[in-house]
Amino acid sequence: MERDETQTMTVLRDSCFIRLLPLLLVAPLLSSCSRAPSIEVLGSFFPAWLVCFLAAIVVTVLVRLALLRLRVKAALPLLVYPSLTALFTFLLWLLFFY
């Protein structure tokens, strides 16, 4: 009896997925893209995320210097500092361009 219920639930789940599959495939085509924000630097246009990335590197270096001054050691520096850079990149982009 449990096997029949499990099989029935699997069939229902699969049929629901099959009904939603066309919607999931068409959804990216229906979304539109706006013009990407860009910044002019000496006559050349750079994507805003690149400017945010460069600023985030500077902020991460400042955070690292502050942590060194406070004698706080990062457990996994190869994971911590790139993660901080990504975090600051996303925060700066959201703050200035969203």
N, C-alpha and C. Protein backbone atom coordinates (compact mmCIF):
# COMPACT_ATOMS: atom_id res chain seq x y z
N MET A 1 0.82 -1.19 0.00
CA MET A 1 0.00 0.00 0.00
C MET A 1 0.87 1.26 0.00
N GLU A 2 1.93 1.27 0.79
CA GLU A 2 2.80 2.44 0.82
C GLU A 2 3.48 2.64 -0.52
N ARG A 3 3.77 1.56 -1.18
CA ARG A 3 4.42 1.66 -2.48
C ARG A 3 3.50 2.35 -3.50
N ASP A 4 2.21 2.03 -3.45
CA ASP A 4 1.26 2.66 -4.36
C ASP A 4 1.15 4.16 -4.09
N GLU A 5 1.15 4.54 -2.81
CA GLU A 5 1.06 5.96 -2.46
C GLU A 5 2.32 6.69 -2.91
N THR A 6 3.46 6.07 -2.71
CA THR A 6 4.71 6.69 -3.13
C THR A 6 4.75 6.83 -4.65
N GLN A 7 4.31 5.82 -5.34
CA GLN A 7 4.29 5.87 -6.80
C GLN A 7 3.31 6.93 -7.29
N THR A 8 2.15 7.02 -6.64
CA THR A 8 1.16 8.03 -7.00
C THR A 8 1.71 9.43 -6.77
N MET A 9 2.39 9.64 -5.63
CA MET A 9 2.97 10.95 -5.33
C MET A 9 4.04 11.31 -6.35
N THR A 10 4.84 10.33 -6.77
CA THR A 10 5.88 10.58 -7.77
C THR A 10 5.26 10.96 -9.10
N VAL A 11 4.21 10.28 -9.50
CA VAL A 11 3.53 10.59 -10.76
C VAL A 11 2.93 11.98 -10.71
N LEU A 12 2.31 12.34 -9.58
CA LEU A 12 1.72 13.67 -9.45
C LEU A 12 2.79 14.75 -9.48
N ARG A 13 3.88 14.50 -8.79
CA ARG A 13 4.97 15.47 -8.77
C ARG A 13 5.55 15.64 -10.17
N ASP A 14 5.77 14.55 -10.87
CA ASP A 14 6.33 14.61 -12.21
C ASP A 14 5.37 15.31 -13.18
N SER A 15 4.07 15.05 -13.06
CA SER A 15 3.12 15.69 -13.95
C SER A 15 3.04 17.19 -13.67
N CYS A 16 3.17 17.59 -12.42
CA CYS A 16 3.19 19.02 -12.07
C CYS A 16 4.44 19.68 -12.67
N PHE A 17 5.55 18.98 -12.59
CA PHE A 17 6.79 19.50 -13.16
C PHE A 17 6.67 19.63 -14.67
N ILE A 18 6.08 18.64 -15.30
CA ILE A 18 5.93 18.67 -16.76
C ILE A 18 5.02 19.82 -17.18
N ARG A 19 3.99 20.12 -16.38
CA ARG A 19 3.11 21.24 -16.73
C ARG A 19 3.82 22.57 -16.55
N LEU A 20 4.73 22.67 -15.57
CA LEU A 20 5.43 23.93 -15.32
C LEU A 20 6.67 24.11 -16.18
N LEU A 21 7.13 23.05 -16.81
CA LEU A 21 8.36 23.12 -17.60
C LEU A 21 8.29 24.16 -18.72
N PRO A 22 7.23 24.23 -19.52
CA PRO A 22 7.20 25.27 -20.56
C PRO A 22 7.26 26.69 -19.98
N LEU A 23 6.60 26.90 -18.86
CA LEU A 23 6.65 28.22 -18.22
C LEU A 23 8.06 28.54 -17.77
N LEU A 24 8.75 27.57 -17.22
CA LEU A 24 10.12 27.79 -16.77
C LEU A 24 11.07 28.05 -17.93
N LEU A 25 10.80 27.45 -19.07
CA LEU A 25 11.66 27.65 -20.23
C LEU A 25 11.39 28.98 -20.92
N VAL A 26 10.15 29.47 -20.87
CA VAL A 26 9.79 30.70 -21.56
C VAL A 26 10.06 31.93 -20.69
N ALA A 27 10.06 31.79 -19.40
CA ALA A 27 10.20 32.93 -18.49
C ALA A 27 11.46 33.77 -18.76
N PRO A 28 12.64 33.18 -18.98
CA PRO A 28 13.80 34.02 -19.27
C PRO A 28 13.66 34.81 -20.57
N LEU A 29 12.92 34.28 -21.52
CA LEU A 29 12.74 35.00 -22.78
C LEU A 29 11.80 36.20 -22.63
N LEU A 30 10.92 36.15 -21.65
CA LEU A 30 9.96 37.24 -21.46
C LEU A 30 10.54 38.39 -20.64
N SER A 31 11.60 38.14 -19.92
CA SER A 31 12.19 39.21 -19.12
C SER A 31 13.03 40.09 -20.04
N SER A 32 12.97 41.37 -19.80
CA SER A 32 13.71 42.28 -20.66
C SER A 32 14.91 42.83 -19.91
N CYS A 33 15.86 43.24 -20.65
CA CYS A 33 17.07 43.81 -20.06
C CYS A 33 17.07 45.32 -20.31
N SER A 34 17.37 46.05 -19.29
CA SER A 34 17.52 47.48 -19.49
C SER A 34 18.99 47.76 -19.81
N ARG A 35 19.26 48.94 -20.14
CA ARG A 35 20.65 49.31 -20.44
C ARG A 35 21.47 49.20 -19.17
N ALA A 36 22.60 48.55 -19.27
CA ALA A 36 23.47 48.35 -18.11
C ALA A 36 24.06 49.69 -17.69
N PRO A 37 24.08 49.95 -16.38
CA PRO A 37 24.68 51.21 -15.93
C PRO A 37 26.17 51.22 -16.22
N SER A 38 26.64 52.33 -16.77
CA SER A 38 28.06 52.44 -17.07
C SER A 38 28.55 53.81 -16.63
N ILE A 39 29.85 53.87 -16.42
CA ILE A 39 30.49 55.10 -15.93
C ILE A 39 31.55 55.52 -16.94
N GLU A 40 31.58 56.79 -17.27
CA GLU A 40 32.57 57.28 -18.20
C GLU A 40 33.84 57.66 -17.44
N VAL A 41 34.95 57.08 -17.87
CA VAL A 41 36.25 57.41 -17.28
C VAL A 41 37.19 57.75 -18.43
N LEU A 42 37.59 58.99 -18.55
CA LEU A 42 38.48 59.48 -19.59
C LEU A 42 38.00 59.08 -20.99
N GLY A 43 36.71 59.22 -21.23
CA GLY A 43 36.15 58.95 -22.53
C GLY A 43 35.77 57.50 -22.80
N SER A 44 36.11 56.60 -21.90
CA SER A 44 35.75 55.19 -22.07
C SER A 44 34.67 54.84 -21.07
N PHE A 45 33.74 54.01 -21.49
CA PHE A 45 32.66 53.59 -20.62
C PHE A 45 33.00 52.25 -19.97
N PHE A 46 32.89 52.21 -18.66
CA PHE A 46 33.14 50.99 -17.90
C PHE A 46 31.85 50.56 -17.22
N PRO A 47 31.63 49.25 -17.11
CA PRO A 47 30.43 48.79 -16.40
C PRO A 47 30.50 49.20 -14.93
N ALA A 48 29.34 49.48 -14.38
CA ALA A 48 29.28 49.94 -12.99
C ALA A 48 29.80 48.89 -12.03
N TRP A 49 29.56 47.61 -12.35
CA TRP A 49 30.01 46.57 -11.43
C TRP A 49 31.53 46.54 -11.34
N LEU A 50 32.22 46.90 -12.42
CA LEU A 50 33.68 46.91 -12.40
C LEU A 50 34.20 48.00 -11.47
N VAL A 51 33.57 49.15 -11.51
CA VAL A 51 33.95 50.25 -10.61
C VAL A 51 33.67 49.84 -9.17
N CYS A 52 32.53 49.19 -8.94
CA CYS A 52 32.20 48.72 -7.58
C CYS A 52 33.19 47.67 -7.12
N PHE A 53 33.64 46.82 -8.03
CA PHE A 53 34.62 45.78 -7.69
C PHE A 53 35.95 46.40 -7.27
N LEU A 54 36.39 47.39 -8.01
CA LEU A 54 37.65 48.06 -7.66
C LEU A 54 37.54 48.78 -6.31
N ALA A 55 36.42 49.43 -6.08
CA ALA A 55 36.21 50.08 -4.78
C ALA A 55 36.13 49.05 -3.66
N ALA A 56 35.53 47.90 -3.93
CA ALA A 56 35.41 46.85 -2.92
C ALA A 56 36.77 46.28 -2.56
N ILE A 57 37.68 46.20 -3.52
CA ILE A 57 39.03 45.74 -3.21
C ILE A 57 39.70 46.70 -2.24
N VAL A 58 39.54 47.99 -2.49
CA VAL A 58 40.12 49.00 -1.60
C VAL A 58 39.52 48.89 -0.20
N VAL A 59 38.20 48.73 -0.12
CA VAL A 59 37.53 48.60 1.18
C VAL A 59 37.98 47.33 1.89
N THR A 60 38.17 46.24 1.16
CA THR A 60 38.63 44.99 1.77
C THR A 60 40.04 45.14 2.31
N VAL A 61 40.89 45.83 1.60
CA VAL A 61 42.25 46.07 2.09
C VAL A 61 42.20 46.90 3.37
N LEU A 62 41.33 47.90 3.41
CA LEU A 62 41.20 48.71 4.63
C LEU A 62 40.68 47.87 5.80
N VAL A 63 39.73 46.98 5.53
CA VAL A 63 39.22 46.09 6.58
C VAL A 63 40.32 45.16 7.06
N ARG A 64 41.14 44.65 6.13
CA ARG A 64 42.24 43.77 6.52
C ARG A 64 43.24 44.51 7.39
N LEU A 65 43.57 45.74 7.02
CA LEU A 65 44.49 46.53 7.84
C LEU A 65 43.91 46.80 9.23
N ALA A 66 42.61 47.07 9.30
CA ALA A 66 41.97 47.29 10.59
C ALA A 66 42.00 46.01 11.44
N LEU A 67 41.76 44.87 10.80
CA LEU A 67 41.81 43.61 11.54
C LEU A 67 43.23 43.29 12.01
N LEU A 68 44.22 43.58 11.19
CA LEU A 68 45.61 43.37 11.61
C LEU A 68 45.97 44.28 12.77
N ARG A 69 45.50 45.51 12.71
CA ARG A 69 45.79 46.46 13.79
C ARG A 69 45.15 46.02 15.11
N LEU A 70 43.95 45.42 15.00
CA LEU A 70 43.26 44.92 16.19
C LEU A 70 43.74 43.52 16.59
N ARG A 71 44.71 42.98 15.84
CA ARG A 71 45.27 41.66 16.08
C ARG A 71 44.21 40.55 16.01
N VAL A 72 43.31 40.69 15.05
CA VAL A 72 42.30 39.66 14.79
C VAL A 72 42.80 38.86 13.59
N LYS A 73 42.89 37.54 13.79
CA LYS A 73 43.38 36.69 12.73
C LYS A 73 42.21 35.99 12.04
N ALA A 74 42.19 36.02 10.73
CA ALA A 74 41.15 35.33 9.97
C ALA A 74 41.48 33.83 9.95
N ALA A 75 40.47 33.01 10.20
CA ALA A 75 40.68 31.57 10.25
C ALA A 75 41.06 31.02 8.87
N LEU A 76 40.34 31.43 7.85
CA LEU A 76 40.61 30.99 6.48
C LEU A 76 40.73 32.21 5.58
N PRO A 77 41.92 32.83 5.55
CA PRO A 77 42.04 34.08 4.79
C PRO A 77 41.76 33.92 3.30
N LEU A 78 42.02 32.73 2.74
CA LEU A 78 41.73 32.52 1.32
C LEU A 78 40.24 32.49 1.04
N LEU A 79 39.44 32.32 2.06
CA LEU A 79 37.99 32.34 1.91
C LEU A 79 37.39 33.65 2.40
N VAL A 80 37.96 34.20 3.45
CA VAL A 80 37.39 35.40 4.09
C VAL A 80 37.52 36.63 3.21
N TYR A 81 38.71 36.90 2.70
CA TYR A 81 38.92 38.16 1.98
C TYR A 81 38.24 38.20 0.60
N PRO A 82 38.25 37.13 -0.18
CA PRO A 82 37.45 37.18 -1.42
C PRO A 82 35.95 37.30 -1.13
N SER A 83 35.50 36.68 -0.03
CA SER A 83 34.08 36.80 0.34
C SER A 83 33.76 38.23 0.74
N LEU A 84 34.64 38.85 1.48
CA LEU A 84 34.43 40.26 1.85
C LEU A 84 34.42 41.14 0.60
N THR A 85 35.31 40.86 -0.35
CA THR A 85 35.34 41.64 -1.58
C THR A 85 34.02 41.49 -2.35
N ALA A 86 33.52 40.28 -2.44
CA ALA A 86 32.23 40.06 -3.12
C ALA A 86 31.11 40.78 -2.38
N LEU A 87 31.10 40.67 -1.06
CA LEU A 87 30.06 41.33 -0.26
C LEU A 87 30.09 42.84 -0.48
N PHE A 88 31.27 43.43 -0.42
CA PHE A 88 31.37 44.88 -0.61
C PHE A 88 31.02 45.28 -2.04
N THR A 89 31.36 44.44 -3.02
CA THR A 89 31.00 44.73 -4.41
C THR A 89 29.49 44.80 -4.56
N PHE A 90 28.80 43.80 -4.05
CA PHE A 90 27.34 43.76 -4.16
C PHE A 90 26.69 44.91 -3.40
N LEU A 91 27.20 45.19 -2.21
CA LEU A 91 26.62 46.29 -1.41
C LEU A 91 26.82 47.64 -2.09
N LEU A 92 28.00 47.87 -2.64
CA LEU A 92 28.24 49.14 -3.32
C LEU A 92 27.37 49.28 -4.56
N TRP A 93 27.22 48.18 -5.32
CA TRP A 93 26.38 48.25 -6.50
C TRP A 93 24.93 48.53 -6.12
N LEU A 94 24.46 47.86 -5.07
CA LEU A 94 23.08 48.09 -4.63
C LEU A 94 22.90 49.51 -4.11
N LEU A 95 23.90 50.01 -3.43
CA LEU A 95 23.81 51.34 -2.83
C LEU A 95 23.81 52.43 -3.88
N PHE A 96 24.65 52.30 -4.91
CA PHE A 96 24.80 53.39 -5.86
C PHE A 96 24.05 53.23 -7.19
N PHE A 97 23.75 51.99 -7.60
CA PHE A 97 23.22 51.80 -8.94
C PHE A 97 21.88 51.10 -9.00
N TYR A 98 21.32 50.68 -7.92
CA TYR A 98 20.05 49.98 -7.99
C TYR A 98 18.90 50.90 -7.74
